[in-house]
Structures are given as C-alpha cells and as structure tokens.
Amino acid sequence: MLLCYITDRKQFSGDEATLRRSLLRKIADATRCGVDFVQLREKDLSARELEALAREAVSIVRENLRTENRELRTRLLVNSRTDIALAVGADGVHLRSDDISPSQVRSVWTECGAGSHARPTIGVSCHSAEDVHQAATDAADFALFGPVFGKRDAPQIPPAGLEGLRRACQEKIPVLALGGITLENAQVCLDAGAAGVAGIRLFQENDISKIVESLR
C-alpha cells in the first residue's frame, strides 16, 4: 500500500516560523513511519522561500532515514518545480495534470541532474481516467486521482466517486486515491483498485504513526 503525505503548513497554527517548524516535524515523522512519498506543496511561497524550505526538508528526510538505519524509502517530491527539486537534491517532482510532461522532466533531469538521483520519481495529479492514461503514456511513476469523496476546501469540485476511481485504476500505473480519504473509507478505495491513498489532513491532523500503522 503506497502512502503519500501532501503538505500544507497553513493548516497548522502560529506565525510563519512556527508553521515551518511544525511542517518539518511532520515531515520527519512521516519519514520515520515509512510514508512512501512526501509532496512538498506550499504554493504560496516564492521560489527563494520554497527552495530554502525544500532544502531543509531534504536534509530532514535524509537524516531520519540514516538514523533509522534502513534502506531509503520515503521520497521527497517538490510540487511542480523541477528546477528547485534539482537544486536541493530532492527525489523528484509532483506535476499538475496540465503541467509539463513527465518525459520532459526526465530529459531535464538527465541534462541537469549531476549529483542528484539518476532517475527522478514523478507523480501526476489526475482528475479523470483520461488524465491517468496520459500520465501512464508519459511514463509517470504514479498518479494521484481525485477528488474521490470530495474536498472540504473545494466543495464546488464534484467527487469522482468509487466508480470513477475504479475506471482510473484500469490504467497500467499505480493510482493513489485522493480527496476525503479517511481510515474508514481507505479500504474501499483499495478494493476499487487503488494502489494506495494520499491526503493532507489525514496525515497532518492525526498522529501519523498511528495512521500509517492502521492503514497498513
């Protein structure tokens, strides 16, 4: 079962410095618990601010993996910014459905990625079975599909439902269910064919060790 923690420091409380510390602690917890992907998705930050935060996050992921003395598992993906991912030595990127293609990212990574991971991990946000098909065609590593059950902060976006998820999972690429995912409904997503689940609140608002243990 693949797990993806999507970050949003604004959901913590406090001033900006406190938000960053809270987020980095949660990323450290996610790493220690063996979450597969951490998607750094702080869209309001400037490029300079995002690079500084991503550099800290990469350092924390690496340090916690060394401390745990086990094989590298958690992969830190920078949302949409291939340049920043390369600059900080992240494991890859997560792309919007209308972003540049995974194949373009891989070309850039090969040309500019000296000292970084030879092959980036690339996820793509998808909202239809057609989006998932395109992501698979473009050689993405996985797709985040949603919203499956709706989004609390975007009620105007209609949920795809389990049938939509089931159709999306017919493509030859791992699909992670996103949108309103809870401990109670995660299993039905897996039953529909999902390779795992992704979320913000699922991980940020709970004890992440207990969430991961319960899901797995």
C-alpha atoms as a PDB file:
ATOM      1  CA  MET A   1       0.000   0.000   0.000  1.00  0.00           C
ATOM      2  CA  LEU A   2       1.502   3.310  -1.110  1.00  0.00           C
ATOM      3  CA  LEU A   3       1.030   6.357   1.114  1.00  0.00           C
ATOM      4  CA  CYS A   4       1.508   9.988   0.100  1.00  0.00           C
ATOM      5  CA  TYR A   5       1.530  12.883   2.564  1.00  0.00           C
ATOM      6  CA  ILE A   6       0.761  16.200   0.852  1.00  0.00           C
ATOM      7  CA  THR A   7       1.954  19.173   2.864  1.00  0.00           C
ATOM      8  CA  ASP A   8       0.119  22.370   3.755  1.00  0.00           C
ATOM      9  CA  ARG A   9       1.817  24.308   6.522  1.00  0.00           C
ATOM     10  CA  LYS A  10      -1.059  26.843   6.566  1.00  0.00           C
ATOM     11  CA  GLN A  11      -3.228  24.255   8.301  1.00  0.00           C
ATOM     12  CA  PHE A  12      -1.020  24.464  11.387  1.00  0.00           C
ATOM     13  CA  SER A  13      -1.384  27.408  13.773  1.00  0.00           C
ATOM     14  CA  GLY A  14       1.110  30.112  14.645  1.00  0.00           C
ATOM     15  CA  ASP A  15       3.362  32.600  12.887  1.00  0.00           C
ATOM     16  CA  GLU A  16       5.355  31.702   9.783  1.00  0.00           C
ATOM     17  CA  ALA A  17       8.365  30.410  11.709  1.00  0.00           C
ATOM     18  CA  THR A  18       6.101  28.167  13.801  1.00  0.00           C
ATOM     19  CA  LEU A  19       4.313  26.898  10.694  1.00  0.00           C
ATOM     20  CA  ARG A  20       7.615  25.884   9.122  1.00  0.00           C
ATOM     21  CA  ARG A  21       8.811  24.116  12.266  1.00  0.00           C
ATOM     22  CA  SER A  22       5.510  22.247  12.572  1.00  0.00           C
ATOM     23  CA  LEU A  23       5.684  21.190   8.939  1.00  0.00           C
ATOM     24  CA  LEU A  24       9.279  19.981   9.166  1.00  0.00           C
ATOM     25  CA  ARG A  25       8.447  17.982  12.300  1.00  0.00           C
ATOM     26  CA  LYS A  26       5.570  16.332  10.468  1.00  0.00           C
ATOM     27  CA  ILE A  27       7.850  15.511   7.511  1.00  0.00           C
ATOM     28  CA  ALA A  28      10.334  13.948   9.930  1.00  0.00           C
ATOM     29  CA  ASP A  29       7.512  11.876  11.463  1.00  0.00           C
ATOM     30  CA  ALA A  30       6.366  10.767   8.013  1.00  0.00           C
ATOM     31  CA  THR A  31       9.885   9.638   7.160  1.00  0.00           C
ATOM     32  CA  ARG A  32      10.318   7.679  10.379  1.00  0.00           C
ATOM     33  CA  CYS A  33       6.955   5.975   9.792  1.00  0.00           C
ATOM     34  CA  GLY A  34       7.856   4.909   6.262  1.00  0.00           C
ATOM     35  CA  VAL A  35       5.422   7.052   4.264  1.00  0.00           C
ATOM     36  CA  ASP A  36       6.341   6.447   0.626  1.00  0.00           C
ATOM     37  CA  PHE A  37       6.017   9.977  -0.746  1.00  0.00           C
ATOM     38  CA  VAL A  38       6.053  13.444   0.789  1.00  0.00           C
ATOM     39  CA  GLN A  39       4.734  16.019  -1.682  1.00  0.00           C
ATOM     40  CA  LEU A  40       6.016  19.471  -0.713  1.00  0.00           C
ATOM     41  CA  ARG A  41       3.078  21.586  -1.852  1.00  0.00           C
ATOM     42  CA  GLU A  42       3.495  25.097  -0.475  1.00  0.00           C
ATOM     43  CA  LYS A  43       2.156  27.045  -3.437  1.00  0.00           C
ATOM     44  CA  ASP A  44       2.088  30.460  -1.771  1.00  0.00           C
ATOM     45  CA  LEU A  45       5.859  30.615  -1.253  1.00  0.00           C
ATOM     46  CA  SER A  46       8.217  32.462  -3.556  1.00  0.00           C
ATOM     47  CA  ALA A  47      10.825  30.429  -5.424  1.00  0.00           C
ATOM     48  CA  ARG A  48      13.505  31.512  -2.949  1.00  0.00           C
ATOM     49  CA  GLU A  49      11.348  30.605   0.058  1.00  0.00           C
ATOM     50  CA  LEU A  50      10.328  27.276  -1.429  1.00  0.00           C
ATOM     51  CA  GLU A  51      13.923  26.390  -2.220  1.00  0.00           C
ATOM     52  CA  ALA A  52      15.001  27.135   1.360  1.00  0.00           C
ATOM     53  CA  LEU A  53      12.139  25.054   2.778  1.00  0.00           C
ATOM     54  CA  ALA A  54      12.760  22.202   0.337  1.00  0.00           C
ATOM     55  CA  ARG A  55      16.454  22.147   1.230  1.00  0.00           C
ATOM     56  CA  GLU A  56      15.585  21.801   4.920  1.00  0.00           C
ATOM     57  CA  ALA A  57      13.024  19.102   4.145  1.00  0.00           C
ATOM     58  CA  VAL A  58      15.503  17.076   2.061  1.00  0.00           C
ATOM     59  CA  SER A  59      18.049  17.293   4.877  1.00  0.00           C
ATOM     60  CA  ILE A  60      15.493  16.120   7.436  1.00  0.00           C
ATOM     61  CA  VAL A  61      14.367  13.190   5.280  1.00  0.00           C
ATOM     62  CA  ARG A  62      17.937  12.053   4.699  1.00  0.00           C
ATOM     63  CA  GLU A  63      18.913  12.416   8.355  1.00  0.00           C
ATOM     64  CA  ASN A  64      15.907  10.488   9.641  1.00  0.00           C
ATOM     65  CA  LEU A  65      16.451   7.696   7.158  1.00  0.00           C
ATOM     66  CA  ARG A  66      20.080   7.413   8.307  1.00  0.00           C
ATOM     67  CA  THR A  67      19.009   7.483  11.952  1.00  0.00           C
ATOM     68  CA  GLU A  68      16.505   4.717  11.357  1.00  0.00           C
ATOM     69  CA  ASN A  69      19.336   2.718   9.758  1.00  0.00           C
ATOM     70  CA  ARG A  70      17.240   1.249   6.989  1.00  0.00           C
ATOM     71  CA  GLU A  71      17.045   1.398   3.232  1.00  0.00           C
ATOM     72  CA  LEU A  72      15.879   4.633   1.650  1.00  0.00           C
ATOM     73  CA  ARG A  73      12.121   4.597   1.420  1.00  0.00           C
ATOM     74  CA  THR A  74      10.497   7.989   1.741  1.00  0.00           C
ATOM     75  CA  ARG A  75      10.847  10.111  -1.390  1.00  0.00           C
ATOM     76  CA  LEU A  76      10.522  13.872  -1.185  1.00  0.00           C
ATOM     77  CA  LEU A  77       8.807  15.380  -4.224  1.00  0.00           C
ATOM     78  CA  VAL A  78       8.654  19.121  -4.890  1.00  0.00           C
ATOM     79  CA  ASN A  79       5.328  20.249  -6.288  1.00  0.00           C
ATOM     80  CA  SER A  80       5.660  21.326  -9.938  1.00  0.00           C
ATOM     81  CA  ARG A  81       9.133  22.930  -9.600  1.00  0.00           C
ATOM     82  CA  THR A  82      11.674  20.720 -11.362  1.00  0.00           C
ATOM     83  CA  ASP A  83      14.318  23.442 -11.067  1.00  0.00           C
ATOM     84  CA  ILE A  84      14.001  23.595  -7.284  1.00  0.00           C
ATOM     85  CA  ALA A  85      13.882  19.804  -6.964  1.00  0.00           C
ATOM     86  CA  LEU A  86      17.170  19.595  -8.853  1.00  0.00           C
ATOM     87  CA  ALA A  87      18.752  22.442  -6.890  1.00  0.00           C
ATOM     88  CA  VAL A  88      18.075  20.867  -3.478  1.00  0.00           C
ATOM     89  CA  GLY A  89      18.659  17.221  -4.423  1.00  0.00           C
ATOM     90  CA  ALA A  90      15.046  16.111  -3.977  1.00  0.00           C
ATOM     91  CA  ASP A  91      13.898  12.686  -5.138  1.00  0.00           C
ATOM     92  CA  GLY A  92      11.604  14.032  -7.828  1.00  0.00           C
ATOM     93  CA  VAL A  93       8.572  16.179  -8.561  1.00  0.00           C
ATOM     94  CA  HIS A  94       4.814  16.055  -8.496  1.00  0.00           C
ATOM     95  CA  LEU A  95       3.113  17.606 -11.528  1.00  0.00           C
ATOM     96  CA  ARG A  96      -0.281  19.127 -12.216  1.00  0.00           C
ATOM     97  CA  SER A  97      -2.344  17.449 -14.933  1.00  0.00           C
ATOM     98  CA  ASP A  98      -1.706  20.488 -17.193  1.00  0.00           C
ATOM     99  CA  ASP A  99       1.989  20.762 -16.299  1.00  0.00           C
ATOM    100  CA  ILE A 100       4.958  19.810 -18.449  1.00  0.00           C
ATOM    101  CA  SER A 101       5.071  16.076 -19.120  1.00  0.00           C
ATOM    102  CA  PRO A 102       6.980  13.516 -17.054  1.00  0.00           C
ATOM    103  CA  SER A 103       9.075  12.729 -20.132  1.00  0.00           C
ATOM    104  CA  GLN A 104      10.139  16.384 -20.336  1.00  0.00           C
ATOM    105  CA  VAL A 105      11.065  16.337 -16.658  1.00  0.00           C
ATOM    106  CA  ARG A 106      13.196  13.243 -17.192  1.00  0.00           C
ATOM    107  CA  SER A 107      15.003  14.924 -20.092  1.00  0.00           C
ATOM    108  CA  VAL A 108      15.762  17.986 -17.971  1.00  0.00           C
ATOM    109  CA  TRP A 109      16.817  15.783 -15.066  1.00  0.00           C
ATOM    110  CA  THR A 110      19.242  13.846 -17.263  1.00  0.00           C
ATOM    111  CA  GLU A 111      20.765  17.006 -18.694  1.00  0.00           C
ATOM    112  CA  CYS A 112      20.993  18.992 -15.446  1.00  0.00           C
ATOM    113  CA  GLY A 113      20.907  16.443 -12.665  1.00  0.00           C
ATOM    114  CA  ALA A 114      24.569  15.970 -11.841  1.00  0.00           C
ATOM    115  CA  GLY A 115      24.793  14.891  -8.215  1.00  0.00           C
ATOM    116  CA  SER A 116      21.054  14.239  -7.968  1.00  0.00           C
ATOM    117  CA  HIS A 117      19.166  10.985  -8.240  1.00  0.00           C
ATOM    118  CA  ALA A 118      19.768   9.423 -11.651  1.00  0.00           C
ATOM    119  CA  ARG A 119      16.065   8.751 -12.147  1.00  0.00           C
ATOM    120  CA  PRO A 120      13.518  11.113 -10.593  1.00  0.00           C
ATOM    121  CA  THR A 121      10.281   9.873  -9.070  1.00  0.00           C
ATOM    122  CA  ILE A 122       7.404  11.632 -10.816  1.00  0.00           C
ATOM    123  CA  GLY A 123       3.775  11.771  -9.742  1.00  0.00           C
ATOM    124  CA  VAL A 124       0.929  13.462 -11.610  1.00  0.00           C
ATOM    125  CA  SER A 125      -2.374  14.855 -10.320  1.00  0.00           C
ATOM    126  CA  CYS A 126      -5.256  13.396 -12.339  1.00  0.00           C
ATOM    127  CA  HIS A 127      -8.981  14.107 -12.341  1.00  0.00           C
ATOM    128  CA  SER A 128     -10.224  11.641 -14.957  1.00  0.00           C
ATOM    129  CA  ALA A 129      -9.391   8.249 -16.395  1.00  0.00           C
ATOM    130  CA  GLU A 130      -8.106  10.105 -19.468  1.00  0.00           C
ATOM    131  CA  ASP A 131      -5.656  12.065 -17.301  1.00  0.00           C
ATOM    132  CA  VAL A 132      -4.394   8.816 -15.793  1.00  0.00           C
ATOM    133  CA  HIS A 133      -3.995   7.291 -19.262  1.00  0.00           C
ATOM    134  CA  GLN A 134      -1.916  10.292 -20.334  1.00  0.00           C
ATOM    135  CA  ALA A 135       0.231  10.082 -17.198  1.00  0.00           C
ATOM    136  CA  ALA A 136       0.875   6.407 -17.884  1.00  0.00           C
ATOM    137  CA  THR A 137       1.716   7.149 -21.531  1.00  0.00           C
ATOM    138  CA  ASP A 138       4.184   9.810 -20.409  1.00  0.00           C
ATOM    139  CA  ALA A 139       5.888   7.330 -18.053  1.00  0.00           C
ATOM    140  CA  ALA A 140       4.896   8.873 -14.737  1.00  0.00           C
ATOM    141  CA  ASP A 141       5.626   6.683 -11.729  1.00  0.00           C
ATOM    142  CA  PHE A 142       2.195   7.110 -10.163  1.00  0.00           C
ATOM    143  CA  ALA A 143      -0.981   9.162 -10.351  1.00  0.00           C
ATOM    144  CA  LEU A 144      -2.936  10.914  -7.616  1.00  0.00           C
ATOM    145  CA  PHE A 145      -6.591  10.601  -8.583  1.00  0.00           C
ATOM    146  CA  GLY A 146      -9.332  12.688  -7.099  1.00  0.00           C
ATOM    147  CA  PRO A 147     -11.254  14.028  -5.528  1.00  0.00           C
ATOM    148  CA  VAL A 148     -12.797  10.652  -4.813  1.00  0.00           C
ATOM    149  CA  PHE A 149     -15.066  11.714  -1.940  1.00  0.00           C
ATOM    150  CA  GLY A 150     -14.883  15.481  -2.361  1.00  0.00           C
ATOM    151  CA  LYS A 151     -12.661  18.190  -0.893  1.00  0.00           C
ATOM    152  CA  ARG A 152     -13.610  20.147   2.201  1.00  0.00           C
ATOM    153  CA  ASP A 153     -11.892  23.293   0.914  1.00  0.00           C
ATOM    154  CA  ALA A 154     -13.277  22.953  -2.649  1.00  0.00           C
ATOM    155  CA  PRO A 155     -16.918  21.793  -2.404  1.00  0.00           C
ATOM    156  CA  GLN A 156     -17.594  23.101  -5.923  1.00  0.00           C
ATOM    157  CA  ILE A 157     -15.489  20.291  -7.428  1.00  0.00           C
ATOM    158  CA  PRO A 158     -17.720  17.228  -7.921  1.00  0.00           C
ATOM    159  CA  PRO A 159     -16.296  13.993  -6.490  1.00  0.00           C
ATOM    160  CA  ALA A 160     -15.383  11.241  -8.927  1.00  0.00           C
ATOM    161  CA  GLY A 161     -16.702   8.561  -6.585  1.00  0.00           C
ATOM    162  CA  LEU A 162     -15.608   4.965  -6.389  1.00  0.00           C
ATOM    163  CA  GLU A 163     -16.750   4.229  -9.923  1.00  0.00           C
ATOM    164  CA  GLY A 164     -14.545   6.993 -11.288  1.00  0.00           C
ATOM    165  CA  LEU A 165     -11.662   5.675  -9.223  1.00  0.00           C
ATOM    166  CA  ARG A 166     -12.324   2.161 -10.483  1.00  0.00           C
ATOM    167  CA  ARG A 167     -12.111   3.340 -14.110  1.00  0.00           C
ATOM    168  CA  ALA A 168      -8.918   5.275 -13.437  1.00  0.00           C
ATOM    169  CA  CYS A 169      -7.301   2.207 -11.889  1.00  0.00           C
ATOM    170  CA  GLN A 170      -7.641   0.271 -15.152  1.00  0.00           C
ATOM    171  CA  GLU A 171      -4.554   2.028 -16.490  1.00  0.00           C
ATOM    172  CA  LYS A 172      -1.114   0.455 -16.125  1.00  0.00           C
ATOM    173  CA  ILE A 173       0.175   2.827 -13.476  1.00  0.00           C
ATOM    174  CA  PRO A 174      -0.209   2.899  -9.678  1.00  0.00           C
ATOM    175  CA  VAL A 175      -3.137   5.132  -8.740  1.00  0.00           C
ATOM    176  CA  LEU A 176      -3.449   6.687  -5.278  1.00  0.00           C
ATOM    177  CA  ALA A 177      -6.890   7.834  -4.124  1.00  0.00           C
ATOM    178  CA  LEU A 178      -7.143  11.467  -3.003  1.00  0.00           C
ATOM    179  CA  GLY A 179      -9.925  13.650  -1.635  1.00  0.00           C
ATOM    180  CA  GLY A 180     -11.813  12.970   1.560  1.00  0.00           C
ATOM    181  CA  ILE A 181      -9.773   9.876   2.382  1.00  0.00           C
ATOM    182  CA  THR A 182     -10.151   8.605   5.958  1.00  0.00           C
ATOM    183  CA  LEU A 183      -9.257   5.490   7.889  1.00  0.00           C
ATOM    184  CA  GLU A 184     -12.864   4.397   7.442  1.00  0.00           C
ATOM    185  CA  ASN A 185     -13.007   4.630   3.642  1.00  0.00           C
ATOM    186  CA  ALA A 186      -9.430   3.787   2.658  1.00  0.00           C
ATOM    187  CA  GLN A 187     -10.208   0.081   2.263  1.00  0.00           C
ATOM    188  CA  VAL A 188     -12.982   0.633  -0.273  1.00  0.00           C
ATOM    189  CA  CYS A 189     -10.503   2.653  -2.347  1.00  0.00           C
ATOM    190  CA  LEU A 190      -8.124  -0.294  -2.336  1.00  0.00           C
ATOM    191  CA  ASP A 191     -10.998  -2.599  -3.229  1.00  0.00           C
ATOM    192  CA  ALA A 192     -11.680  -0.347  -6.227  1.00  0.00           C
ATOM    193  CA  GLY A 193      -8.132  -0.922  -7.433  1.00  0.00           C
ATOM    194  CA  ALA A 194      -6.151   1.915  -5.850  1.00  0.00           C
ATOM    195  CA  ALA A 195      -2.514   1.185  -5.046  1.00  0.00           C
ATOM    196  CA  GLY A 196      -2.714   3.439  -2.009  1.00  0.00           C
ATOM    197  CA  VAL A 197      -4.038   6.721  -0.622  1.00  0.00           C
ATOM    198  CA  ALA A 198      -2.910  10.329  -0.382  1.00  0.00           C
ATOM    199  CA  GLY A 199      -4.006  13.257   1.698  1.00  0.00           C
ATOM    200  CA  ILE A 200      -3.223  16.385   3.662  1.00  0.00           C
ATOM    201  CA  ARG A 201      -5.490  16.292   6.714  1.00  0.00           C
ATOM    202  CA  LEU A 202      -5.322  12.519   7.027  1.00  0.00           C
ATOM    203  CA  PHE A 203      -1.661  12.845   7.979  1.00  0.00           C
ATOM    204  CA  GLN A 204      -1.362  16.388   9.317  1.00  0.00           C
ATOM    205  CA  GLU A 205      -4.287  16.356  11.720  1.00  0.00           C
ATOM    206  CA  ASN A 206      -3.518  12.986  13.291  1.00  0.00           C
ATOM    207  CA  ASP A 207      -0.695  11.063  14.914  1.00  0.00           C
ATOM    208  CA  ILE A 208       0.996   9.948  11.724  1.00  0.00           C
ATOM    209  CA  SER A 209       2.475   6.801  13.270  1.00  0.00           C
ATOM    210  CA  LYS A 210      -0.993   5.596  14.264  1.00  0.00           C
ATOM    211  CA  ILE A 211      -2.424   6.480  10.830  1.00  0.00           C
ATOM    212  CA  VAL A 212       0.297   4.561   8.989  1.00  0.00           C
ATOM    213  CA  GLU A 213       0.007   1.584  11.316  1.00  0.00           C
ATOM    214  CA  SER A 214      -3.776   1.463  10.921  1.00  0.00           C
ATOM    215  CA  LEU A 215      -3.655   1.807   7.139  1.00  0.00           C
ATOM    216  CA  ARG A 216      -1.003  -0.835   6.685  1.00  0.00           C
END
